[in-house]
């Protein structure tokens, strides 16, 4: 297949999804309904929270889920699937329910951020695609929010396309970065697809092409008098870059009635160079010019530069944003939580055991309530409970740590409010949710950050927000753990 041909993203799966689906079909289990949870186990970079992103692409994927004749022919060529199963795939469409957080929502480890309640084969076939979208975009949105927090109100732009892992990663990474708080992107396709503001000026090659630096700056200013931002570090920032930028501002832009918009520094000692550049620009009457910096920035370097009183008011962040360089994988997983046959009235909870306590899953068909302090509106905890549980905000609530379950907390009635986080996305295979624009999702993310305590926002050693179990779910999990433990002893 040529790269230029249309891809069927239904085929973006691990082979085991198909081998299991074939086995379920042959064993006549395809009508069993199951509940799967998507969750992750730790916040990137040891942060206090993460940001949910990628839902819009999941909607598009589920709505277009199908197998073409070419896909079925490929599966047939593997010689491991039955003809009856391949015939079943011809008319396959997703027919289940999906519940998810809204994009831009703050999230925490070990809570289901997506729950799939569907026939067994439907739920199994979508695993890889769901994880790929959520893991990538949530990672980049979270990393961007850390960088934006370090910048403390100074603009952060995505400059990462050429360092992304591929073209899709560049485009959807730019989308996630905007959700996370970047003011724009240099990636044109992301701007076209999602209405993200785009920005860009020149590369060093522009300066190198002309006979000298002044000529390069002059030509650029003549072409873009309303947005003249000059890259001043091709040869010598202090010795020639800034003097030539000032000269162009006075000799080219001022006669046109225009002002120098700014400069960009892409190498060297950014703290020293920005301070010296500001002195020179201010002395020439251009203290309002933006000083932008790039050059392998991340949240820690930005914090350091600010502590050094660097005169930088705009940051272009590339590699460490678009790849989340120091934490390159989000780690979301997809685990079975419950199942029921046609004759069953209720779901049977399922649990995965592990020698690592943090890998023991939470059983049952579940939902999430966020508990807010009634007076401040800040997040107190998240509560994982069964999907049919209800709570009275006027009554005391006792919650349990999902890993160290002997830890209990009582929240007094009347001091808290509840918000259910999982909302219906698909019902019986039909999409019932309209994704907001990327700009609206970005606003959601900003409002979500306002519900965090300041201690949770620290880049290093942040306060941990508790994700706890309801009393009912706690006892179901405890009983299952005891049952599995006794079963294991009996088999020895």
Protein backbone atom coordinates (compact mmCIF):
# COMPACT_ATOMS: atom_id res chain seq x y z
CA UNK A 1 0.00 0.00 0.00
CA UNK A 2 1.36 3.41 -0.94
CA UNK A 3 1.66 6.04 1.77
CA UNK A 4 -0.50 8.39 -0.30
CA UNK A 5 -3.47 6.00 -0.19
CA UNK A 6 -6.13 6.52 2.45
CA UNK A 7 -5.41 4.67 5.69
CA UNK A 8 -8.16 2.78 7.48
CA UNK A 9 -7.35 3.57 11.10
CA UNK A 10 -9.50 0.63 12.23
CA UNK A 11 -6.42 -1.43 11.38
CA UNK A 12 -4.32 0.51 13.90
CA UNK A 13 -4.42 -2.29 16.45
CA UNK A 14 -2.26 -4.94 18.07
CA UNK A 15 -2.66 -8.39 16.54
CA UNK A 16 -3.75 -9.88 19.85
CA UNK A 17 -6.95 -7.87 19.63
CA UNK A 18 -7.84 -9.82 16.51
CA UNK A 19 -6.71 -13.22 17.81
CA UNK A 20 -8.81 -12.72 20.96
CA UNK A 21 -11.79 -11.45 18.96
CA UNK A 22 -11.57 -14.50 16.67
CA UNK A 23 -11.44 -16.76 19.72
CA UNK A 24 -14.41 -15.06 21.39
CA UNK A 25 -16.39 -15.35 18.15
CA UNK A 26 -15.61 -19.04 17.73
CA UNK A 27 -16.50 -19.72 21.39
CA UNK A 28 -19.83 -17.90 20.91
CA UNK A 29 -18.97 -15.27 23.53
CA UNK A 30 -19.30 -12.22 21.28
CA UNK A 31 -22.56 -11.05 22.89
CA UNK A 32 -21.12 -10.97 26.41
CA UNK A 33 -21.04 -7.36 27.63
CA UNK A 34 -17.94 -6.09 29.37
CA UNK A 35 -16.64 -2.92 30.98
CA UNK A 36 -13.08 -1.81 30.25
CA UNK A 37 -11.32 1.11 31.93
CA UNK A 38 -8.62 3.41 30.52
CA UNK A 39 -6.39 4.79 33.28
CA UNK A 40 -2.76 5.61 33.97
CA UNK A 41 -0.51 4.93 36.96
CA UNK A 42 1.69 8.00 37.52
CA UNK A 43 1.77 11.68 36.60
CA UNK A 44 4.41 12.71 34.03
CA UNK A 45 7.56 14.29 35.48
CA UNK A 46 6.37 13.54 39.01
CA UNK A 47 3.81 16.32 38.68
CA UNK A 48 0.69 16.84 40.75
CA UNK A 49 -1.82 16.15 37.97
CA UNK A 50 -2.27 15.42 34.28
CA UNK A 51 -4.57 16.79 31.56
CA UNK A 52 -6.96 14.64 29.55
CA UNK A 53 -6.69 15.16 25.77
CA UNK A 54 -7.33 13.28 22.53
CA UNK A 55 -11.07 12.60 22.84
CA UNK A 56 -12.06 14.30 19.58
CA UNK A 57 -9.84 11.93 17.61
CA UNK A 58 -11.38 8.96 19.46
CA UNK A 59 -14.83 10.14 18.37
CA UNK A 60 -13.70 10.28 14.75
CA UNK A 61 -12.09 6.84 15.02
CA UNK A 62 -15.15 5.12 16.55
CA UNK A 63 -17.56 6.71 14.07
CA UNK A 64 -15.48 5.42 11.16
CA UNK A 65 -14.79 1.95 12.55
CA UNK A 66 -15.10 -0.61 9.73
CA UNK A 67 -13.16 -3.22 7.79
CA UNK A 68 -12.62 -2.85 4.04
CA UNK A 69 -12.29 -5.77 1.64
CA UNK A 70 -8.54 -5.12 1.54
CA UNK A 71 -8.36 -5.37 5.33
CA UNK A 72 -10.22 -8.68 5.40
CA UNK A 73 -8.03 -10.00 2.58
CA UNK A 74 -4.97 -9.11 4.64
CA UNK A 75 -6.31 -10.95 7.68
CA UNK A 76 -7.11 -13.96 5.49
CA UNK A 77 -3.50 -13.99 4.27
CA UNK A 78 -2.30 -14.53 7.86
CA UNK A 79 -4.00 -17.95 7.90
CA UNK A 80 -5.06 -17.74 11.56
CA UNK A 81 -8.69 -16.57 11.38
CA UNK A 82 -11.84 -18.54 10.53
CA UNK A 83 -13.90 -17.65 7.48
CA UNK A 84 -17.01 -17.18 9.63
CA UNK A 85 -15.15 -14.58 11.69
CA UNK A 86 -13.88 -12.79 8.58
CA UNK A 87 -17.44 -12.71 7.22
CA UNK A 88 -18.58 -11.19 10.53
CA UNK A 89 -16.03 -8.38 10.12
CA UNK A 90 -17.57 -7.24 6.82
CA UNK A 91 -20.55 -5.65 8.58
CA UNK A 92 -18.83 -4.81 11.84
CA UNK A 93 -19.69 -1.51 13.53
CA UNK A 94 -19.12 -0.44 17.10
CA UNK A 95 -22.40 -0.90 19.04
CA UNK A 96 -21.42 -0.16 22.63
CA UNK A 97 -21.35 2.71 25.10
CA UNK A 98 -18.37 4.94 25.93
CA UNK A 99 -18.06 7.34 28.84
CA UNK A 100 -15.14 9.75 29.17
CA UNK A 101 -13.79 12.86 30.84
CA UNK A 102 -14.23 16.05 28.85
CA UNK A 103 -11.02 17.14 27.16
CA UNK A 104 -9.03 19.60 29.20
CA UNK A 105 -10.12 18.02 32.50
CA UNK A 106 -7.57 17.58 35.28
CA UNK A 107 -7.01 13.87 36.03
CA UNK A 108 -5.12 11.71 38.48
CA UNK A 109 -3.52 8.25 38.47
CA UNK A 110 -5.57 5.04 38.74
CA UNK A 111 -8.97 6.56 38.01
CA UNK A 112 -10.91 5.53 34.87
CA UNK A 113 -10.74 8.44 32.43
CA UNK A 114 -12.59 6.43 29.76
CA UNK A 115 -14.95 3.53 30.38
CA UNK A 116 -16.09 1.30 27.51
CA UNK A 117 -19.24 -0.75 28.14
CA UNK A 118 -19.83 -2.86 25.06
CA UNK A 119 -20.06 -6.33 23.53
CA UNK A 120 -16.83 -8.22 24.16
CA UNK A 121 -15.41 -8.02 20.62
CA UNK A 122 -16.35 -4.34 20.21
CA UNK A 123 -14.55 -3.43 23.41
CA UNK A 124 -11.48 -5.51 22.58
CA UNK A 125 -10.87 -4.18 19.06
CA UNK A 126 -10.58 -0.52 20.02
CA UNK A 127 -7.94 -0.87 22.74
CA UNK A 128 -4.79 0.22 20.91
CA UNK A 129 -6.34 3.16 19.07
CA UNK A 130 -7.90 4.59 22.25
CA UNK A 131 -4.62 4.33 24.13
CA UNK A 132 -2.58 5.80 21.27
CA UNK A 133 -4.71 8.95 21.12
CA UNK A 134 -5.04 9.46 24.88
CA UNK A 135 -1.45 8.61 25.77
CA UNK A 136 0.09 10.96 23.21
CA UNK A 137 -2.10 14.03 23.52
CA UNK A 138 -2.49 13.81 27.30
CA UNK A 139 1.28 13.62 27.63
CA UNK A 140 1.91 16.69 25.47
CA UNK A 141 -0.91 18.72 27.03
CA UNK A 142 0.44 17.92 30.50
CA UNK A 143 4.03 18.79 29.56
CA UNK A 144 2.90 22.06 27.98
CA UNK A 145 0.95 23.02 31.09
CA UNK A 146 4.13 22.54 33.14
CA UNK A 147 6.10 24.75 30.75
CA UNK A 148 3.35 27.39 30.69
CA UNK A 149 3.24 27.37 34.50
CA UNK A 150 7.00 27.95 34.64
CA UNK A 151 6.65 30.88 32.20
CA UNK A 152 4.20 32.57 34.61
CA UNK A 153 2.14 34.51 32.11
CA UNK A 154 4.80 34.99 29.43
CA UNK A 155 3.81 33.51 26.08
CA UNK A 156 4.82 29.95 25.20
CA UNK A 157 4.65 28.80 21.56
CA UNK A 158 5.01 25.30 20.11
CA UNK A 159 8.09 25.15 17.88
CA UNK A 160 8.38 21.37 17.84
CA UNK A 161 7.16 19.96 14.51
CA UNK A 162 10.54 19.03 13.07
CA UNK A 163 11.49 17.24 16.30
CA UNK A 164 8.22 15.31 16.62
CA UNK A 165 8.27 11.55 16.09
CA UNK A 166 6.34 11.83 12.81
CA UNK A 167 3.86 14.07 10.98
CA UNK A 168 0.82 12.95 13.00
CA UNK A 169 2.74 13.51 16.23
CA UNK A 170 3.59 17.05 15.10
CA UNK A 171 0.00 17.96 14.20
CA UNK A 172 -1.80 16.35 17.13
CA UNK A 173 1.02 17.36 19.46
CA UNK A 174 0.41 20.98 18.46
CA UNK A 175 -3.29 20.48 19.21
CA UNK A 176 -2.49 19.09 22.64
CA UNK A 177 0.03 21.85 23.33
CA UNK A 178 -2.62 24.48 22.63
CA UNK A 179 -5.02 22.73 25.01
CA UNK A 180 -2.23 22.75 27.60
CA UNK A 181 -1.83 26.52 27.34
CA UNK A 182 0.52 27.33 24.45
CA UNK A 183 -0.51 30.55 22.69
CA UNK A 184 0.08 29.10 19.24
CA UNK A 185 2.12 26.82 17.02
CA UNK A 186 4.55 27.02 14.15
CA UNK A 187 2.88 23.95 12.55
CA UNK A 188 0.74 25.18 9.65
CA UNK A 189 -1.38 22.03 9.25
CA UNK A 190 -2.38 22.20 12.92
CA UNK A 191 -3.40 25.81 12.40
CA UNK A 192 -5.48 24.88 9.37
CA UNK A 193 -7.16 21.86 10.97
CA UNK A 194 -7.87 23.25 14.43
CA UNK A 195 -7.84 27.06 14.04
CA UNK A 196 -4.81 27.31 16.32
CA UNK A 197 -2.95 30.64 15.93
CA UNK A 198 0.22 30.15 13.88
CA UNK A 199 3.42 32.14 14.11
CA UNK A 200 6.86 32.14 12.52
CA UNK A 201 9.44 34.49 11.12
CA UNK A 202 12.77 33.38 9.67
CA UNK A 203 15.47 30.72 9.98
CA UNK A 204 19.21 31.25 10.11
CA UNK A 205 19.31 30.29 6.42
CA UNK A 206 17.47 33.55 5.57
CA UNK A 207 20.23 35.57 7.21
CA UNK A 208 22.98 33.43 5.67
CA UNK A 209 21.52 33.71 2.17
CA UNK A 210 21.98 37.49 1.84
CA UNK A 211 25.33 39.20 1.45
CA UNK A 212 25.27 40.42 5.05
CA UNK A 213 23.05 40.47 8.13
CA UNK A 214 21.77 44.00 7.61
CA UNK A 215 20.58 43.15 4.08
CA UNK A 216 18.78 40.06 5.40
CA UNK A 217 17.01 42.04 8.12
CA UNK A 218 16.20 44.86 5.68
CA UNK A 219 14.55 42.51 3.17
CA UNK A 220 12.53 40.85 5.91
CA UNK A 221 11.31 44.16 7.32
CA UNK A 222 10.29 45.33 3.85
CA UNK A 223 8.24 42.16 3.35
CA UNK A 224 6.69 42.04 6.83
CA UNK A 225 6.69 45.57 8.28
CA UNK A 226 3.82 44.81 10.67
CA UNK A 227 5.46 41.74 12.16
CA UNK A 228 9.20 42.25 12.04
CA UNK A 229 10.83 39.81 14.47
CA UNK A 230 14.52 39.38 13.67
CA UNK A 231 16.69 36.36 14.43
CA UNK A 232 19.81 37.99 15.84
CA UNK A 233 22.14 35.10 16.72
CA UNK A 234 23.35 33.89 13.30
CA UNK A 235 26.74 35.57 13.70
CA UNK A 236 27.10 37.64 16.88
CA UNK A 237 24.12 38.75 18.97
CA UNK A 238 25.79 41.69 20.69
CA UNK A 239 28.39 42.57 18.06
CA UNK A 240 26.14 42.62 15.00
CA UNK A 241 22.67 41.12 15.53
CA UNK A 242 21.21 43.77 17.84
CA UNK A 243 22.98 46.72 16.15
CA UNK A 244 21.63 45.60 12.77
CA UNK A 245 18.13 45.08 14.19
CA UNK A 246 18.20 48.64 15.61
CA UNK A 247 19.50 50.02 12.34
CA UNK A 248 16.67 48.33 10.39
CA UNK A 249 14.15 49.62 12.92
CA UNK A 250 15.33 53.20 12.37
CA UNK A 251 16.23 53.20 8.67
CA UNK A 252 13.56 50.85 7.26
CA UNK A 253 10.61 50.60 9.62
CA UNK A 254 10.38 54.12 11.08
CA UNK A 255 10.14 55.81 7.64
CA UNK A 256 7.19 53.46 7.00
CA UNK A 257 5.57 54.45 10.28
CA UNK A 258 6.21 50.98 11.75
CA UNK A 259 7.87 49.67 14.91
CA UNK A 260 10.25 46.78 15.44
CA UNK A 261 8.08 44.01 16.88
CA UNK A 262 10.90 42.01 18.43
CA UNK A 263 13.97 39.85 18.23
CA UNK A 264 14.63 36.15 18.74
CA UNK A 265 17.70 34.50 20.27
CA UNK A 266 18.21 30.80 19.53
CA UNK A 267 21.61 30.01 21.05
CA UNK A 268 24.19 31.05 23.60
CA UNK A 269 23.79 32.24 27.18
CA UNK A 270 20.16 33.30 27.01
CA UNK A 271 20.16 35.08 30.36
CA UNK A 272 23.21 37.22 29.59
CA UNK A 273 22.33 37.86 25.95
CA UNK A 274 18.72 38.83 26.69
CA UNK A 275 19.77 41.31 29.38
CA UNK A 276 22.38 42.89 27.13
CA UNK A 277 19.97 42.95 24.20
CA UNK A 278 17.33 44.69 26.33
CA UNK A 279 19.82 47.36 27.40
CA UNK A 280 20.77 48.07 23.79
CA UNK A 281 17.17 48.08 22.54
CA UNK A 282 16.00 50.31 25.40
CA UNK A 283 18.84 52.77 24.85
CA UNK A 284 17.78 53.04 21.21
CA UNK A 285 14.14 53.64 22.13
CA UNK A 286 12.83 50.12 21.56
CA UNK A 287 12.21 48.91 25.10
CA UNK A 288 8.80 47.65 23.96
CA UNK A 289 10.31 45.15 21.52
CA UNK A 290 9.58 41.52 22.41
CA UNK A 291 12.62 39.41 23.26
CA UNK A 292 11.87 35.82 22.31
CA UNK A 293 14.06 32.83 23.11
CA UNK A 294 14.23 29.26 21.89
CA UNK A 295 17.11 26.70 22.12
CA UNK A 296 16.18 23.42 23.88
CA UNK A 297 13.99 25.02 26.52
CA UNK A 298 11.94 23.18 29.12
CA UNK A 299 10.17 24.17 32.35
CA UNK A 300 13.32 23.87 34.45
CA UNK A 301 15.48 26.00 32.15
CA UNK A 302 12.72 28.60 31.91
CA UNK A 303 12.51 28.74 35.71
CA UNK A 304 16.29 29.12 35.90
CA UNK A 305 16.37 31.90 33.31
CA UNK A 306 13.60 33.78 35.10
CA UNK A 307 15.50 33.44 38.39
CA UNK A 308 18.49 35.02 36.61
CA UNK A 309 16.26 37.97 35.61
CA UNK A 310 16.52 37.13 31.92
CA UNK A 311 14.71 39.77 29.84
CA UNK A 312 12.71 37.24 27.87
CA UNK A 313 8.97 37.69 27.45
CA UNK A 314 8.19 35.03 24.85
CA UNK A 315 9.34 31.41 24.73
CA UNK A 316 9.50 29.12 21.71
CA UNK A 317 9.69 25.53 22.96
CA UNK A 318 10.39 22.67 20.58
CA UNK A 319 11.93 19.29 21.35
CA UNK A 320 11.15 19.09 25.05
CA UNK A 321 7.53 20.08 24.47
CA UNK A 322 6.57 18.04 21.42
CA UNK A 323 8.32 14.87 22.67
CA UNK A 324 8.04 15.49 26.43
CA UNK A 325 11.75 14.79 26.35
CA UNK A 326 12.34 13.79 29.98
CA UNK A 327 9.13 11.72 30.26
CA UNK A 328 8.45 10.35 26.77
CA UNK A 329 5.54 7.97 27.51
CA UNK A 330 2.28 8.55 29.36
CA UNK A 331 1.64 4.95 30.34
CA UNK A 332 -2.13 4.69 30.01
CA UNK A 333 -3.54 1.14 30.11
CA UNK A 334 -6.80 -0.61 29.17
CA UNK A 335 -8.08 -3.18 31.65
CA UNK A 336 -11.15 -5.39 31.96
CA UNK A 337 -13.20 -4.37 35.01
CA UNK A 338 -16.50 -6.29 34.71
CA UNK A 339 -18.46 -8.70 32.51
CA UNK A 340 -21.98 -10.09 32.21
CA UNK A 341 -23.74 -12.63 30.01
CA UNK A 342 -27.14 -12.00 28.48
CA UNK A 343 -28.92 -13.81 31.30
CA UNK A 344 -27.07 -11.85 34.00
CA UNK A 345 -28.86 -8.90 35.57
CA UNK A 346 -25.69 -7.28 36.88
CA UNK A 347 -22.01 -7.06 35.96
CA UNK A 348 -19.60 -9.46 37.65
CA UNK A 349 -16.58 -7.48 38.88
CA UNK A 350 -13.16 -8.54 37.52
CA UNK A 351 -9.80 -7.79 39.11
CA UNK A 352 -6.19 -8.07 37.97
CA UNK A 353 -3.71 -9.08 40.66
CA UNK A 354 -0.01 -8.28 40.75
CA UNK A 355 2.92 -8.55 43.11
CA UNK A 356 3.12 -4.76 42.68
CA UNK A 357 0.25 -3.28 44.68
CA UNK A 358 -0.06 -0.28 42.35
CA UNK A 359 -0.88 -2.65 39.47
CA UNK A 360 -3.85 -4.27 41.20
CA UNK A 361 -6.91 -2.95 39.34
CA UNK A 362 -10.19 -1.59 40.71
CA UNK A 363 -13.08 -3.93 39.81
CA UNK A 364 -16.59 -3.24 38.61
CA UNK A 365 -18.48 -0.99 36.22
CA UNK A 366 -17.55 2.38 37.68
CA UNK A 367 -17.83 6.13 37.52
CA UNK A 368 -15.91 9.05 39.09
CA UNK A 369 -17.08 11.90 41.28
CA UNK A 370 -14.83 14.89 41.93
CA UNK A 371 -15.19 16.25 45.46
CA UNK A 372 -14.79 20.01 45.79
CA UNK A 373 -14.44 22.10 48.92
CA UNK A 374 -17.75 23.96 49.07
CA UNK A 375 -16.25 27.23 50.32
CA UNK A 376 -13.15 27.54 48.09
CA UNK A 377 -14.19 25.50 45.05
CA UNK A 378 -10.86 23.65 45.18
CA UNK A 379 -10.48 19.89 44.58
CA UNK A 380 -10.41 17.84 47.79
CA UNK A 381 -10.37 14.34 46.29
CA UNK A 382 -11.69 12.13 43.51
CA UNK A 383 -14.04 9.26 44.37
CA UNK A 384 -14.15 6.03 42.35
CA UNK A 385 -17.48 4.27 42.84
CA UNK A 386 -19.85 1.87 41.12
CA UNK A 387 -21.81 3.33 38.21
CA UNK A 388 -25.16 3.06 40.00
CA UNK A 389 -24.09 4.68 43.28
CA UNK A 390 -25.56 7.99 44.39
CA UNK A 391 -24.52 10.33 47.21
CA UNK A 392 -26.14 12.99 49.37
CA UNK A 393 -23.93 16.07 49.74
CA UNK A 394 -25.59 16.87 53.06
CA UNK A 395 -24.31 13.65 54.62
CA UNK A 396 -20.85 12.63 55.84
CA UNK A 397 -18.78 10.63 53.36
CA UNK A 398 -16.10 8.05 54.18
CA UNK A 399 -13.58 7.31 51.43
CA UNK A 400 -10.76 4.75 51.19
CA UNK A 401 -7.31 4.85 49.59
CA UNK A 402 -7.43 2.39 46.62
CA UNK A 403 -3.96 0.95 47.33
CA UNK A 404 -3.48 1.37 51.08
CA UNK A 405 -7.13 0.64 51.84
CA UNK A 406 -6.73 0.92 55.62
CA UNK A 407 -6.37 4.67 55.10
CA UNK A 408 -9.77 6.30 55.48
CA UNK A 409 -10.99 9.89 55.33
CA UNK A 410 -14.29 11.33 56.58
CA UNK A 411 -15.65 14.40 54.78
CA UNK A 412 -18.37 16.19 56.71
CA UNK A 413 -21.72 16.68 55.06
CA UNK A 414 -22.48 20.19 53.86
CA UNK A 415 -18.78 21.03 53.36
CA UNK A 416 -18.39 19.58 49.86
CA UNK A 417 -19.96 19.43 46.40
CA UNK A 418 -19.81 16.61 43.85
CA UNK A 419 -19.36 16.55 40.07
CA UNK A 420 -19.52 13.38 37.98
CA UNK A 421 -16.58 13.36 35.56
CA UNK A 422 -17.45 10.55 33.15
CA UNK A 423 -20.02 11.77 30.62
CA UNK A 424 -21.75 9.75 27.84
CA UNK A 425 -19.86 9.85 24.54
CA UNK A 426 -21.43 6.92 22.66
CA UNK A 427 -24.71 5.18 23.42
CA UNK A 428 -25.50 1.92 21.59
CA UNK A 429 -22.88 2.80 19.00
CA UNK A 430 -24.25 6.28 18.26
CA UNK A 431 -22.24 9.39 19.14
CA UNK A 432 -24.14 11.52 21.67
CA UNK A 433 -21.39 14.05 22.37
CA UNK A 434 -20.27 17.10 20.42
CA UNK A 435 -16.61 17.91 20.88
CA UNK A 436 -15.93 21.59 21.65
CA UNK A 437 -13.45 23.56 19.55
CA UNK A 438 -9.81 23.38 20.55
CA UNK A 439 -10.03 26.96 21.83
CA UNK A 440 -13.00 26.02 24.04
CA UNK A 441 -11.13 22.97 25.33
CA UNK A 442 -8.16 25.22 26.14
CA UNK A 443 -10.50 27.44 28.17
CA UNK A 444 -11.83 24.37 30.00
CA UNK A 445 -8.26 23.43 30.88
CA UNK A 446 -7.54 26.92 32.21
CA UNK A 447 -10.66 26.86 34.39
CA UNK A 448 -9.74 23.38 35.63
CA UNK A 449 -6.34 24.65 36.79
CA UNK A 450 -8.12 27.26 38.91
CA UNK A 451 -9.69 24.44 40.98
CA UNK A 452 -6.23 23.24 42.10
CA UNK A 453 -4.61 24.22 45.38
CA UNK A 454 -1.34 26.07 44.85
CA UNK A 455 0.52 23.20 46.52
CA UNK A 456 -0.68 20.84 43.76
CA UNK A 457 0.81 23.06 41.05
CA UNK A 458 4.43 22.81 42.21
CA UNK A 459 6.75 21.40 39.55
CA UNK A 460 8.75 19.54 42.21
CA UNK A 461 7.23 17.54 45.10
CA UNK A 462 3.64 18.71 44.56
CA UNK A 463 0.86 17.92 47.01
CA UNK A 464 -0.90 14.67 46.11
CA UNK A 465 -4.65 14.82 45.54
CA UNK A 466 -6.32 11.66 46.84
CA UNK A 467 -8.16 9.29 44.53
CA UNK A 468 -10.25 7.11 46.81
CA UNK A 469 -12.82 4.32 46.70
CA UNK A 470 -16.42 4.44 47.85
CA UNK A 471 -17.36 2.23 50.79
CA UNK A 472 -19.25 -0.19 48.51
CA UNK A 473 -16.42 -0.50 46.00
CA UNK A 474 -13.86 -0.85 48.79
CA UNK A 475 -15.66 -3.92 50.18
CA UNK A 476 -16.08 -5.49 46.72
CA UNK A 477 -12.36 -5.09 46.08
CA UNK A 478 -11.44 -6.45 49.50
CA UNK A 479 -13.68 -9.50 49.04
CA UNK A 480 -12.23 -10.22 45.60
CA UNK A 481 -8.67 -9.91 46.88
CA UNK A 482 -9.46 -12.35 49.68
CA UNK A 483 -11.18 -14.73 47.26
CA UNK A 484 -8.27 -14.67 44.82
CA UNK A 485 -5.77 -15.11 47.63
CA UNK A 486 -7.58 -18.17 49.02
CA UNK A 487 -7.93 -19.62 45.53
CA UNK A 488 -4.19 -19.25 44.94
CA UNK A 489 -3.45 -21.01 48.24
CA UNK A 490 -5.78 -23.86 47.28
CA UNK A 491 -3.98 -24.38 43.98
CA UNK A 492 -0.56 -24.72 45.62
